[in-house]
PDB file of all heavy atoms in Angstrom:
ATOM      1  N   ARG A   1      21.491   6.638  -3.918  1.00  0.00           N
ATOM      2  CA  ARG A   1      21.103   7.114  -2.562  1.00  0.00           C
ATOM      3  C   ARG A   1      19.617   7.162  -2.352  1.00  0.00           C
ATOM      4  O   ARG A   1      19.084   6.839  -1.273  1.00  0.00           O
ATOM      5  CB  ARG A   1      21.793   8.501  -2.349  1.00  0.00           C
ATOM      6  CG  ARG A   1      23.265   8.419  -2.191  1.00  0.00           C
ATOM      7  CD  ARG A   1      23.928   9.757  -1.977  1.00  0.00           C
ATOM      8  NE  ARG A   1      25.352   9.610  -1.806  1.00  0.00           N
ATOM      9  CZ  ARG A   1      26.205  10.637  -1.686  1.00  0.00           C
ATOM     10  NH1 ARG A   1      25.703  11.915  -1.762  1.00  0.00           N
ATOM     11  NH2 ARG A   1      27.483  10.474  -1.542  1.00  0.00           N
ATOM     12  N   LEU A   2      18.893   7.566  -3.374  1.00  0.00           N
ATOM     13  CA  LEU A   2      17.382   7.596  -3.256  1.00  0.00           C
ATOM     14  C   LEU A   2      16.849   6.174  -3.174  1.00  0.00           C
ATOM     15  O   LEU A   2      15.879   5.902  -2.414  1.00  0.00           O
ATOM     16  CB  LEU A   2      16.825   8.368  -4.439  1.00  0.00           C
ATOM     17  CG  LEU A   2      17.040   9.854  -4.453  1.00  0.00           C
ATOM     18  CD1 LEU A   2      16.630  10.469  -5.816  1.00  0.00           C
ATOM     19  CD2 LEU A   2      16.334  10.534  -3.312  1.00  0.00           C
ATOM     20  N   SER A   3      17.394   5.272  -3.928  1.00  0.00           N
ATOM     21  CA  SER A   3      17.007   3.832  -3.857  1.00  0.00           C
ATOM     22  C   SER A   3      17.261   3.284  -2.494  1.00  0.00           C
ATOM     23  O   SER A   3      16.487   2.482  -1.912  1.00  0.00           O
ATOM     24  CB  SER A   3      17.687   3.020  -4.935  1.00  0.00           C
ATOM     25  OG  SER A   3      17.305   3.477  -6.240  1.00  0.00           O
ATOM     26  N   GLU A   4      18.379   3.677  -1.867  1.00  0.00           N
ATOM     27  CA  GLU A   4      18.679   3.269  -0.516  1.00  0.00           C
ATOM     28  C   GLU A   4      17.666   3.806   0.471  1.00  0.00           C
ATOM     29  O   GLU A   4      17.300   3.142   1.409  1.00  0.00           O
ATOM     30  CB  GLU A   4      20.129   3.774  -0.171  1.00  0.00           C
ATOM     31  CG  GLU A   4      20.645   3.240   1.147  1.00  0.00           C
ATOM     32  CD  GLU A   4      22.059   3.634   1.362  1.00  0.00           C
ATOM     33  OE1 GLU A   4      22.837   3.694   0.433  1.00  0.00           O
ATOM     34  OE2 GLU A   4      22.330   3.976   2.578  1.00  0.00           O
ATOM     35  N   SER A   5      17.158   5.044   0.235  1.00  0.00           N
ATOM     36  CA  SER A   5      16.164   5.594   1.110  1.00  0.00           C
ATOM     37  C   SER A   5      14.861   4.766   0.997  1.00  0.00           C
ATOM     38  O   SER A   5      14.168   4.533   1.969  1.00  0.00           O
ATOM     39  CB  SER A   5      15.902   7.044   0.706  1.00  0.00           C
ATOM     40  OG  SER A   5      17.017   7.873   0.930  1.00  0.00           O
ATOM     41  N   VAL A   6      14.519   4.329  -0.217  1.00  0.00           N
ATOM     42  CA  VAL A   6      13.354   3.481  -0.416  1.00  0.00           C
ATOM     43  C   VAL A   6      13.494   2.162   0.303  1.00  0.00           C
ATOM     44  O   VAL A   6      12.584   1.783   1.116  1.00  0.00           O
ATOM     45  CB  VAL A   6      13.130   3.229  -1.888  1.00  0.00           C
ATOM     46  CG1 VAL A   6      11.997   2.227  -2.111  1.00  0.00           C
ATOM     47  CG2 VAL A   6      12.831   4.514  -2.648  1.00  0.00           C
ATOM     48  N   ARG A   7      14.675   1.529   0.237  1.00  0.00           N
ATOM     49  CA  ARG A   7      14.894   0.276   0.948  1.00  0.00           C
ATOM     50  C   ARG A   7      14.892   0.478   2.419  1.00  0.00           C
ATOM     51  O   ARG A   7      14.440  -0.403   3.168  1.00  0.00           O
ATOM     52  CB  ARG A   7      16.232  -0.371   0.446  1.00  0.00           C
ATOM     53  CG  ARG A   7      16.198  -0.841  -0.962  1.00  0.00           C
ATOM     54  CD  ARG A   7      17.411  -1.723  -1.278  1.00  0.00           C
ATOM     55  NE  ARG A   7      18.616  -0.942  -1.162  1.00  0.00           N
ATOM     56  CZ  ARG A   7      19.183  -0.247  -2.212  1.00  0.00           C
ATOM     57  NH1 ARG A   7      18.618  -0.284  -3.391  1.00  0.00           N
ATOM     58  NH2 ARG A   7      20.276   0.423  -2.033  1.00  0.00           N
ATOM     59  N   GLY A   8      15.486   1.606   2.889  1.00  0.00           N
ATOM     60  CA  GLY A   8      15.500   1.882   4.326  1.00  0.00           C
ATOM     61  C   GLY A   8      14.235   2.404   4.880  1.00  0.00           C
ATOM     62  O   GLY A   8      14.116   2.675   6.103  1.00  0.00           O
ATOM     63  N   ARG A   9      13.258   2.615   4.007  1.00  0.00           N
ATOM     64  CA  ARG A   9      11.916   3.126   4.400  1.00  0.00           C
ATOM     65  C   ARG A   9      12.004   4.541   5.054  1.00  0.00           C
ATOM     66  O   ARG A   9      11.210   4.845   5.942  1.00  0.00           O
ATOM     67  CB  ARG A   9      11.191   2.158   5.341  1.00  0.00           C
ATOM     68  CG  ARG A   9      10.906   0.803   4.601  1.00  0.00           C
ATOM     69  CD  ARG A   9      10.051  -0.114   5.351  1.00  0.00           C
ATOM     70  NE  ARG A   9       9.821  -1.348   4.611  1.00  0.00           N
ATOM     71  CZ  ARG A   9       9.196  -2.441   5.008  1.00  0.00           C
ATOM     72  NH1 ARG A   9       8.624  -2.398   6.249  1.00  0.00           N
ATOM     73  NH2 ARG A   9       9.048  -3.499   4.261  1.00  0.00           N
ATOM     74  N   SER A  10      12.952   5.344   4.576  1.00  0.00           N
ATOM     75  CA  SER A  10      12.995   6.747   4.934  1.00  0.00           C
ATOM     76  C   SER A  10      12.414   7.580   3.814  1.00  0.00           C
ATOM     77  O   SER A  10      12.560   8.799   3.784  1.00  0.00           O
ATOM     78  CB  SER A  10      14.418   7.212   5.254  1.00  0.00           C
ATOM     79  OG  SER A  10      15.252   7.017   4.184  1.00  0.00           O
ATOM     80  N   PHE A  11      11.778   6.863   2.933  1.00  0.00           N
ATOM     81  CA  PHE A  11      11.105   7.411   1.702  1.00  0.00           C
ATOM     82  C   PHE A  11       9.604   7.507   2.007  1.00  0.00           C
ATOM     83  O   PHE A  11       8.945   6.486   2.023  1.00  0.00           O
ATOM     84  CB  PHE A  11      11.431   6.561   0.523  1.00  0.00           C
ATOM     85  CG  PHE A  11      11.097   7.137  -0.836  1.00  0.00           C
ATOM     86  CD1 PHE A  11      12.020   7.798  -1.574  1.00  0.00           C
ATOM     87  CD2 PHE A  11       9.809   6.988  -1.313  1.00  0.00           C
ATOM     88  CE1 PHE A  11      11.729   8.311  -2.825  1.00  0.00           C
ATOM     89  CE2 PHE A  11       9.491   7.500  -2.526  1.00  0.00           C
ATOM     90  CZ  PHE A  11      10.472   8.141  -3.305  1.00  0.00           C
ATOM     91  N   GLY A  12       9.100   8.682   2.395  1.00  0.00           N
ATOM     92  CA  GLY A  12       7.657   8.768   2.776  1.00  0.00           C
ATOM     93  C   GLY A  12       6.751   9.010   1.604  1.00  0.00           C
ATOM     94  O   GLY A  12       7.004   9.855   0.780  1.00  0.00           O
ATOM     95  N   LYS A  13       5.618   8.286   1.621  1.00  0.00           N
ATOM     96  CA  LYS A  13       4.654   8.475   0.551  1.00  0.00           C
ATOM     97  C   LYS A  13       3.217   8.583   1.126  1.00  0.00           C
ATOM     98  O   LYS A  13       2.880   7.721   1.907  1.00  0.00           O
ATOM     99  CB  LYS A  13       4.702   7.323  -0.442  1.00  0.00           C
ATOM    100  CG  LYS A  13       6.033   7.277  -1.283  1.00  0.00           C
ATOM    101  CD  LYS A  13       6.041   6.146  -2.234  1.00  0.00           C
ATOM    102  CE  LYS A  13       6.312   4.846  -1.514  1.00  0.00           C
ATOM    103  NZ  LYS A  13       6.450   3.706  -2.466  1.00  0.00           N
ATOM    104  N   THR A  14       2.509   9.619   0.716  1.00  0.00           N
ATOM    105  CA  THR A  14       1.099   9.733   1.153  1.00  0.00           C
ATOM    106  C   THR A  14       0.254   9.860  -0.083  1.00  0.00           C
ATOM    107  O   THR A  14       0.675  10.354  -1.183  1.00  0.00           O
ATOM    108  CB  THR A  14       0.891  10.918   2.104  1.00  0.00           C
ATOM    109  OG1 THR A  14       1.006  12.118   1.347  1.00  0.00           O
ATOM    110  CG2 THR A  14       1.799  10.891   3.249  1.00  0.00           C
ATOM    111  N   TYR A  15      -0.992   9.391   0.050  1.00  0.00           N
ATOM    112  CA  TYR A  15      -1.960   9.402  -1.063  1.00  0.00           C
ATOM    113  C   TYR A  15      -3.307   9.773  -0.540  1.00  0.00           C
ATOM    114  O   TYR A  15      -3.597   9.752   0.666  1.00  0.00           O
ATOM    115  CB  TYR A  15      -2.076   7.972  -1.645  1.00  0.00           C
ATOM    116  CG  TYR A  15      -0.853   7.371  -2.275  1.00  0.00           C
ATOM    117  CD1 TYR A  15       0.188   6.872  -1.504  1.00  0.00           C
ATOM    118  CD2 TYR A  15      -0.731   7.329  -3.648  1.00  0.00           C
ATOM    119  CE1 TYR A  15       1.310   6.321  -2.117  1.00  0.00           C
ATOM    120  CE2 TYR A  15       0.354   6.737  -4.275  1.00  0.00           C
ATOM    121  CZ  TYR A  15       1.369   6.253  -3.485  1.00  0.00           C
ATOM    122  OH  TYR A  15       2.532   5.750  -4.030  1.00  0.00           O
ATOM    123  N   ILE A  16      -4.152  10.184  -1.450  1.00  0.00           N
ATOM    124  CA  ILE A  16      -5.572  10.241  -1.141  1.00  0.00           C
ATOM    125  C   ILE A  16      -6.304   9.360  -2.138  1.00  0.00           C
ATOM    126  O   ILE A  16      -5.782   9.114  -3.272  1.00  0.00           O
ATOM    127  CB  ILE A  16      -6.192  11.660  -1.220  1.00  0.00           C
ATOM    128  CG1 ILE A  16      -5.918  12.357  -2.569  1.00  0.00           C
ATOM    129  CG2 ILE A  16      -5.586  12.523  -0.083  1.00  0.00           C
ATOM    130  CD1 ILE A  16      -6.626  13.728  -2.767  1.00  0.00           C
ATOM    131  N   CYS A  17      -7.413   8.821  -1.713  1.00  0.00           N
ATOM    132  CA  CYS A  17      -8.208   8.001  -2.595  1.00  0.00           C
ATOM    133  C   CYS A  17      -9.698   8.189  -2.273  1.00  0.00           C
ATOM    134  O   CYS A  17     -10.041   8.625  -1.198  1.00  0.00           O
ATOM    135  CB  CYS A  17      -7.814   6.508  -2.553  1.00  0.00           C
ATOM    136  SG  CYS A  17      -7.973   5.758  -0.864  1.00  0.00           S
ATOM    137  N   VAL A  18     -10.512   7.859  -3.205  1.00  0.00           N
ATOM    138  CA  VAL A  18     -11.968   7.780  -2.991  1.00  0.00           C
ATOM    139  C   VAL A  18     -12.433   6.327  -3.127  1.00  0.00           C
ATOM    140  O   VAL A  18     -12.064   5.642  -4.062  1.00  0.00           O
ATOM    141  CB  VAL A  18     -12.753   8.626  -4.068  1.00  0.00           C
ATOM    142  CG1 VAL A  18     -14.262   8.499  -3.859  1.00  0.00           C
ATOM    143  CG2 VAL A  18     -12.270  10.110  -4.050  1.00  0.00           C
ATOM    144  N   VAL A  19     -13.011   5.902  -2.055  1.00  0.00           N
ATOM    145  CA  VAL A  19     -13.481   4.480  -2.021  1.00  0.00           C
ATOM    146  C   VAL A  19     -14.945   4.377  -1.986  1.00  0.00           C
ATOM    147  O   VAL A  19     -15.694   5.321  -1.593  1.00  0.00           O
ATOM    148  CB  VAL A  19     -12.905   3.735  -0.721  1.00  0.00           C
ATOM    149  CG1 VAL A  19     -11.370   3.828  -0.752  1.00  0.00           C
ATOM    150  CG2 VAL A  19     -13.483   4.338   0.510  1.00  0.00           C
ATOM    151  N   GLU A  20     -15.470   3.232  -2.351  1.00  0.00           N
ATOM    152  CA  GLU A  20     -16.921   2.970  -2.240  1.00  0.00           C
ATOM    153  C   GLU A  20     -17.267   2.637  -0.793  1.00  0.00           C
ATOM    154  O   GLU A  20     -16.508   1.871  -0.136  1.00  0.00           O
ATOM    155  CB  GLU A  20     -17.285   1.755  -3.196  1.00  0.00           C
ATOM    156  CG  GLU A  20     -17.092   2.093  -4.682  1.00  0.00           C
ATOM    157  CD  GLU A  20     -17.522   0.927  -5.548  1.00  0.00           C
ATOM    158  OE1 GLU A  20     -17.812  -0.154  -5.074  1.00  0.00           O
ATOM    159  OE2 GLU A  20     -17.638   1.176  -6.783  1.00  0.00           O
ATOM    160  N   GLY A  21     -18.381   3.223  -0.356  1.00  0.00           N
ATOM    161  CA  GLY A  21     -18.764   2.920   1.030  1.00  0.00           C
ATOM    162  C   GLY A  21     -17.987   3.661   2.081  1.00  0.00           C
ATOM    163  O   GLY A  21     -17.283   4.661   1.789  1.00  0.00           O
ATOM    164  N   VAL A  22     -18.093   3.167   3.339  1.00  0.00           N
ATOM    165  CA  VAL A  22     -17.397   3.785   4.451  1.00  0.00           C
ATOM    166  C   VAL A  22     -16.686   2.685   5.235  1.00  0.00           C
ATOM    167  O   VAL A  22     -17.269   1.691   5.610  1.00  0.00           O
ATOM    168  CB  VAL A  22     -18.361   4.493   5.405  1.00  0.00           C
ATOM    169  CG1 VAL A  22     -17.597   5.241   6.523  1.00  0.00           C
ATOM    170  CG2 VAL A  22     -19.258   5.477   4.602  1.00  0.00           C
ATOM    171  N   PRO A  23     -15.365   2.775   5.429  1.00  0.00           N
ATOM    172  CA  PRO A  23     -14.622   1.742   6.222  1.00  0.00           C
ATOM    173  C   PRO A  23     -15.224   1.628   7.620  1.00  0.00           C
ATOM    174  O   PRO A  23     -15.789   2.615   8.155  1.00  0.00           O
ATOM    175  CB  PRO A  23     -13.223   2.288   6.295  1.00  0.00           C
ATOM    176  CG  PRO A  23     -13.090   3.231   5.063  1.00  0.00           C
ATOM    177  CD  PRO A  23     -14.437   3.791   4.944  1.00  0.00           C
ATOM    178  N   ALA A  24     -15.132   0.420   8.171  1.00  0.00           N
ATOM    179  CA  ALA A  24     -15.701   0.209   9.489  1.00  0.00           C
ATOM    180  C   ALA A  24     -15.086   0.996  10.547  1.00  0.00           C
ATOM    181  O   ALA A  24     -15.735   1.368  11.546  1.00  0.00           O
ATOM    182  CB  ALA A  24     -15.543  -1.293   9.805  1.00  0.00           C
ATOM    183  N   ARG A  25     -13.794   1.280  10.381  1.00  0.00           N
ATOM    184  CA  ARG A  25     -13.038   2.146  11.411  1.00  0.00           C
ATOM    185  C   ARG A  25     -12.676   3.455  10.748  1.00  0.00           C
ATOM    186  O   ARG A  25     -12.204   3.490   9.607  1.00  0.00           O
ATOM    187  CB  ARG A  25     -11.837   1.405  11.902  1.00  0.00           C
ATOM    188  CG  ARG A  25     -12.240   0.103  12.602  1.00  0.00           C
ATOM    189  CD  ARG A  25     -10.988  -0.703  12.952  1.00  0.00           C
ATOM    190  NE  ARG A  25     -10.079   0.014  13.876  1.00  0.00           N
ATOM    191  CZ  ARG A  25      -8.861  -0.465  14.206  1.00  0.00           C
ATOM    192  NH1 ARG A  25      -8.441  -1.633  13.713  1.00  0.00           N
ATOM    193  NH2 ARG A  25      -8.098   0.164  15.086  1.00  0.00           N
ATOM    194  N   GLN A  26     -12.753   4.579  11.472  1.00  0.00           N
ATOM    195  CA  GLN A  26     -12.412   5.875  11.000  1.00  0.00           C
ATOM    196  C   GLN A  26     -10.966   5.999  10.675  1.00  0.00           C
ATOM    197  O   GLN A  26     -10.566   6.649   9.680  1.00  0.00           O
ATOM    198  CB  GLN A  26     -12.765   6.929  12.027  1.00  0.00           C
ATOM    199  CG  GLN A  26     -12.591   8.348  11.615  1.00  0.00           C
ATOM    200  CD  GLN A  26     -13.770   8.860  10.726  1.00  0.00           C
ATOM    201  OE1 GLN A  26     -14.700   8.117  10.451  1.00  0.00           O
ATOM    202  NE2 GLN A  26     -13.648  10.066  10.253  1.00  0.00           N
ATOM    203  N   GLU A  27     -10.130   5.373  11.440  1.00  0.00           N
ATOM    204  CA  GLU A  27      -8.670   5.368  11.219  1.00  0.00           C
ATOM    205  C   GLU A  27      -8.134   3.978  11.645  1.00  0.00           C
ATOM    206  O   GLU A  27      -8.568   3.409  12.711  1.00  0.00           O
ATOM    207  CB  GLU A  27      -8.025   6.503  11.969  1.00  0.00           C
ATOM    208  CG  GLU A  27      -6.471   6.596  11.689  1.00  0.00           C
ATOM    209  CD  GLU A  27      -5.900   7.869  12.265  1.00  0.00           C
ATOM    210  OE1 GLU A  27      -6.648   8.801  12.679  1.00  0.00           O
ATOM    211  OE2 GLU A  27      -4.641   8.037  12.225  1.00  0.00           O
ATOM    212  N   ALA A  28      -7.246   3.448  10.854  1.00  0.00           N
ATOM    213  CA  ALA A  28      -6.681   2.151  11.183  1.00  0.00           C
ATOM    214  C   ALA A  28      -5.379   1.871  10.400  1.00  0.00           C
ATOM    215  O   ALA A  28      -5.130   2.506   9.371  1.00  0.00           O
ATOM    216  CB  ALA A  28      -7.692   1.019  10.912  1.00  0.00           C
ATOM    217  N   THR A  29      -4.567   0.952  10.907  1.00  0.00           N
ATOM    218  CA  THR A  29      -3.488   0.425  10.186  1.00  0.00           C
ATOM    219  C   THR A  29      -3.757  -0.938   9.682  1.00  0.00           C
ATOM    220  O   THR A  29      -4.192  -1.813  10.478  1.00  0.00           O
ATOM    221  CB  THR A  29      -2.237   0.423  11.101  1.00  0.00           C
ATOM    222  OG1 THR A  29      -1.868   1.745  11.485  1.00  0.00           O
ATOM    223  CG2 THR A  29      -1.047  -0.181  10.384  1.00  0.00           C
ATOM    224  N   LEU A  30      -3.626  -1.136   8.373  1.00  0.00           N
ATOM    225  CA  LEU A  30      -3.926  -2.412   7.761  1.00  0.00           C
ATOM    226  C   LEU A  30      -2.643  -3.199   7.611  1.00  0.00           C
ATOM    227  O   LEU A  30      -1.649  -2.691   6.999  1.00  0.00           O
ATOM    228  CB  LEU A  30      -4.646  -2.261   6.392  1.00  0.00           C
ATOM    229  CG  LEU A  30      -5.899  -1.447   6.422  1.00  0.00           C
ATOM    230  CD1 LEU A  30      -6.538  -1.357   5.019  1.00  0.00           C
ATOM    231  CD2 LEU A  30      -7.002  -2.031   7.381  1.00  0.00           C
ATOM    232  N   GLU A  31      -2.591  -4.432   7.998  1.00  0.00           N
ATOM    233  CA  GLU A  31      -1.440  -5.304   7.891  1.00  0.00           C
ATOM    234  C   GLU A  31      -1.891  -6.601   7.214  1.00  0.00           C
ATOM    235  O   GLU A  31      -2.666  -7.318   7.858  1.00  0.00           O
ATOM    236  CB  GLU A  31      -0.821  -5.526   9.219  1.00  0.00           C
ATOM    237  CG  GLU A  31      -0.296  -4.264   9.879  1.00  0.00           C
ATOM    238  CD  GLU A  31       0.485  -4.541  11.204  1.00  0.00           C
ATOM    239  OE1 GLU A  31       1.623  -4.962  11.120  1.00  0.00           O
ATOM    240  OE2 GLU A  31      -0.104  -4.257  12.243  1.00  0.00           O
ATOM    241  N   HIS A  32      -1.401  -6.826   6.024  1.00  0.00           N
ATOM    242  CA  HIS A  32      -1.783  -7.993   5.251  1.00  0.00           C
ATOM    243  C   HIS A  32      -0.498  -8.572   4.567  1.00  0.00           C
ATOM    244  O   HIS A  32       0.558  -8.065   4.795  1.00  0.00           O
ATOM    245  CB  HIS A  32      -2.798  -7.644   4.156  1.00  0.00           C
ATOM    246  CG  HIS A  32      -4.116  -7.140   4.708  1.00  0.00           C
ATOM    247  ND1 HIS A  32      -4.519  -5.861   4.550  1.00  0.00           N
ATOM    248  CD2 HIS A  32      -5.105  -7.770   5.378  1.00  0.00           C
ATOM    249  CE1 HIS A  32      -5.721  -5.701   5.136  1.00  0.00           C
ATOM    250  NE2 HIS A  32      -6.063  -6.845   5.610  1.00  0.00           N
ATOM    251  N   TYR A  33      -0.753  -9.562   3.795  1.00  0.00           N
ATOM    252  CA  TYR A  33       0.301 -10.191   2.990  1.00  0.00           C
ATOM    253  C   TYR A  33      -0.168 -10.202   1.521  1.00  0.00           C
ATOM    254  O   TYR A  33      -1.318 -10.611   1.271  1.00  0.00           O
ATOM    255  CB  TYR A  33       0.625 -11.589   3.452  1.00  0.00           C
ATOM    256  CG  TYR A  33       1.268 -11.490   4.865  1.00  0.00           C
ATOM    257  CD1 TYR A  33       0.338 -11.529   5.958  1.00  0.00           C
ATOM    258  CD2 TYR A  33       2.633 -11.428   5.069  1.00  0.00           C
ATOM    259  CE1 TYR A  33       0.872 -11.485   7.269  1.00  0.00           C
ATOM    260  CE2 TYR A  33       3.117 -11.367   6.373  1.00  0.00           C
ATOM    261  CZ  TYR A  33       2.244 -11.381   7.445  1.00  0.00           C
ATOM    262  OH  TYR A  33       2.767 -11.311   8.735  1.00  0.00           O
ATOM    263  N   ILE A  34       0.670  -9.795   0.556  1.00  0.00           N
ATOM    264  CA  ILE A  34       0.278  -9.598  -0.817  1.00  0.00           C
ATOM    265  C   ILE A  34       1.090 -10.509  -1.733  1.00  0.00           C
ATOM    266  O   ILE A  34       2.379 -10.507  -1.527  1.00  0.00           O
ATOM    267  CB  ILE A  34       0.374  -8.104  -1.189  1.00  0.00           C
ATOM    268  CG1 ILE A  34      -0.818  -7.361  -0.654  1.00  0.00           C
ATOM    269  CG2 ILE A  34       0.465  -8.006  -2.743  1.00  0.00           C
ATOM    270  CD1 ILE A  34      -0.755  -5.928  -1.038  1.00  0.00           C
ATOM    271  N   ARG A  35       0.424 -11.171  -2.610  1.00  0.00           N
ATOM    272  CA  ARG A  35       1.150 -11.966  -3.632  1.00  0.00           C
ATOM    273  C   ARG A  35       0.674 -11.535  -5.008  1.00  0.00           C
ATOM    274  O   ARG A  35      -0.526 -11.479  -5.252  1.00  0.00           O
ATOM    275  CB  ARG A  35       0.966 -13.472  -3.496  1.00  0.00           C
ATOM    276  CG  ARG A  35       1.622 -14.356  -4.467  1.00  0.00           C
ATOM    277  CD  ARG A  35       1.591 -15.825  -4.151  1.00  0.00           C
ATOM    278  NE  ARG A  35       0.235 -16.288  -4.157  1.00  0.00           N
ATOM    279  CZ  ARG A  35      -0.175 -17.375  -3.482  1.00  0.00           C
ATOM    280  NH1 ARG A  35       0.691 -18.091  -2.730  1.00  0.00           N
ATOM    281  NH2 ARG A  35      -1.415 -17.792  -3.534  1.00  0.00           N
ATOM    282  N   LYS A  36       1.609 -11.281  -5.889  1.00  0.00           N
ATOM    283  CA  LYS A  36       1.276 -10.781  -7.248  1.00  0.00           C
ATOM    284  C   LYS A  36       1.323 -11.941  -8.255  1.00  0.00           C
ATOM    285  O   LYS A  36       2.196 -12.741  -8.313  1.00  0.00           O
ATOM    286  CB  LYS A  36       2.204  -9.666  -7.714  1.00  0.00           C
ATOM    287  CG  LYS A  36       1.804  -9.071  -9.045  1.00  0.00           C
ATOM    288  CD  LYS A  36       2.618  -7.817  -9.408  1.00  0.00           C
ATOM    289  CE  LYS A  36       2.138  -7.245 -10.689  1.00  0.00           C
ATOM    290  NZ  LYS A  36       2.941  -6.024 -11.077  1.00  0.00           N
ATOM    291  N   ASP A  37       0.265 -11.936  -9.111  1.00  0.00           N
ATOM    292  CA  ASP A  37       0.233 -12.816 -10.229  1.00  0.00           C
ATOM    293  C   ASP A  37       0.699 -12.035 -11.415  1.00  0.00           C
ATOM    294  O   ASP A  37       0.009 -11.178 -11.951  1.00  0.00           O
ATOM    295  CB  ASP A  37      -1.245 -13.301 -10.495  1.00  0.00           C
ATOM    296  CG  ASP A  37      -1.315 -14.329 -11.580  1.00  0.00           C
ATOM    297  OD1 ASP A  37      -0.537 -14.246 -12.575  1.00  0.00           O
ATOM    298  OD2 ASP A  37      -2.231 -15.195 -11.573  1.00  0.00           O
ATOM    299  N   GLN A  38       1.989 -12.261 -11.849  1.00  0.00           N
ATOM    300  CA  GLN A  38       2.573 -11.553 -12.934  1.00  0.00           C
ATOM    301  C   GLN A  38       1.840 -11.607 -14.275  1.00  0.00           C
ATOM    302  O   GLN A  38       1.736 -10.631 -14.981  1.00  0.00           O
ATOM    303  CB  GLN A  38       4.042 -11.958 -13.090  1.00  0.00           C
ATOM    304  CG  GLN A  38       4.927 -11.747 -11.917  1.00  0.00           C
ATOM    305  CD  GLN A  38       5.229 -10.250 -11.632  1.00  0.00           C
ATOM    306  OE1 GLN A  38       4.915  -9.373 -12.459  1.00  0.00           O
ATOM    307  NE2 GLN A  38       5.866  -9.963 -10.531  1.00  0.00           N
ATOM    308  N   LYS A  39       1.289 -12.805 -14.522  1.00  0.00           N
ATOM    309  CA  LYS A  39       0.674 -13.047 -15.820  1.00  0.00           C
ATOM    310  C   LYS A  39      -0.649 -12.182 -15.940  1.00  0.00           C
ATOM    311  O   LYS A  39      -0.973 -11.628 -16.975  1.00  0.00           O
ATOM    312  CB  LYS A  39       0.318 -14.494 -16.012  1.00  0.00           C
ATOM    313  CG  LYS A  39       1.595 -15.332 -16.247  1.00  0.00           C
ATOM    314  CD  LYS A  39       1.255 -16.797 -16.545  1.00  0.00           C
ATOM    315  CE  LYS A  39       2.498 -17.595 -16.846  1.00  0.00           C
ATOM    316  NZ  LYS A  39       2.195 -19.047 -17.063  1.00  0.00           N
ATOM    317  N   ARG A  40      -1.370 -12.156 -14.813  1.00  0.00           N
ATOM    318  CA  ARG A  40      -2.726 -11.462 -14.845  1.00  0.00           C
ATOM    319  C   ARG A  40      -2.551 -10.025 -14.332  1.00  0.00           C
ATOM    320  O   ARG A  40      -3.532  -9.304 -14.413  1.00  0.00           O
ATOM    321  CB  ARG A  40      -3.699 -12.212 -13.993  1.00  0.00           C
ATOM    322  CG  ARG A  40      -4.104 -13.600 -14.548  1.00  0.00           C
ATOM    323  CD  ARG A  40      -5.273 -14.190 -13.787  1.00  0.00           C
ATOM    324  NE  ARG A  40      -5.055 -14.318 -12.368  1.00  0.00           N
ATOM    325  CZ  ARG A  40      -5.900 -13.816 -11.418  1.00  0.00           C
ATOM    326  NH1 ARG A  40      -6.956 -13.187 -11.811  1.00  0.00           N
ATOM    327  NH2 ARG A  40      -5.630 -13.980 -10.125  1.00  0.00           N
ATOM    328  N   ASN A  41      -1.401  -9.696 -13.842  1.00  0.00           N
ATOM    329  CA  ASN A  41      -1.209  -8.314 -13.243  1.00  0.00           C
ATOM    330  C   ASN A  41      -2.233  -8.007 -12.208  1.00  0.00           C
ATOM    331  O   ASN A  41      -2.879  -6.892 -12.242  1.00  0.00           O
ATOM    332  CB  ASN A  41      -1.185  -7.229 -14.374  1.00  0.00           C
ATOM    333  CG  ASN A  41      -0.647  -5.928 -13.888  1.00  0.00           C
ATOM    334  OD1 ASN A  41       0.149  -5.876 -12.917  1.00  0.00           O
ATOM    335  ND2 ASN A  41      -1.147  -4.872 -14.424  1.00  0.00           N
ATOM    336  N   VAL A  42      -2.436  -8.881 -11.264  1.00  0.00           N
ATOM    337  CA  VAL A  42      -3.351  -8.727 -10.196  1.00  0.00           C
ATOM    338  C   VAL A  42      -2.741  -9.251  -8.895  1.00  0.00           C
ATOM    339  O   VAL A  42      -1.930 -10.207  -8.988  1.00  0.00           O
ATOM    340  CB  VAL A  42      -4.710  -9.400 -10.491  1.00  0.00           C
ATOM    341  CG1 VAL A  42      -4.572 -10.836 -10.522  1.00  0.00           C
ATOM    342  CG2 VAL A  42      -5.827  -8.929  -9.535  1.00  0.00           C
ATOM    343  N   VAL A  43      -3.114  -8.724  -7.733  1.00  0.00           N
ATOM    344  CA  VAL A  43      -2.534  -9.222  -6.541  1.00  0.00           C
ATOM    345  C   VAL A  43      -3.643  -9.869  -5.682  1.00  0.00           C
ATOM    346  O   VAL A  43      -4.780  -9.424  -5.750  1.00  0.00           O
ATOM    347  CB  VAL A  43      -1.770  -8.160  -5.700  1.00  0.00           C
ATOM    348  CG1 VAL A  43      -0.695  -7.508  -6.572  1.00  0.00           C
ATOM    349  CG2 VAL A  43      -2.725  -7.099  -5.145  1.00  0.00           C
ATOM    350  N   THR A  44      -3.234 -10.796  -4.815  1.00  0.00           N
ATOM    351  CA  THR A  44      -4.141 -11.411  -3.822  1.00  0.00           C
ATOM    352  C   THR A  44      -3.675 -10.997  -2.482  1.00  0.00           C
ATOM    353  O   THR A  44      -2.471 -11.012  -2.149  1.00  0.00           O
ATOM    354  CB  THR A  44      -4.112 -12.945  -3.997  1.00  0.00           C
ATOM    355  OG1 THR A  44      -4.467 -13.306  -5.367  1.00  0.00           O
ATOM    356  CG2 THR A  44      -5.144 -13.593  -3.049  1.00  0.00           C
TER     357      THR A  44
END
């Protein structure tokens, strides 16, 4: 049932982070496309 919540996106997750610099916009929604390189464990 919890996995179903994850798939249905009723599973809410919030984070805090510290970043270098200051983002250009005070608040924004970022929409991108991500591809993972399994061998190097890094995403593009």
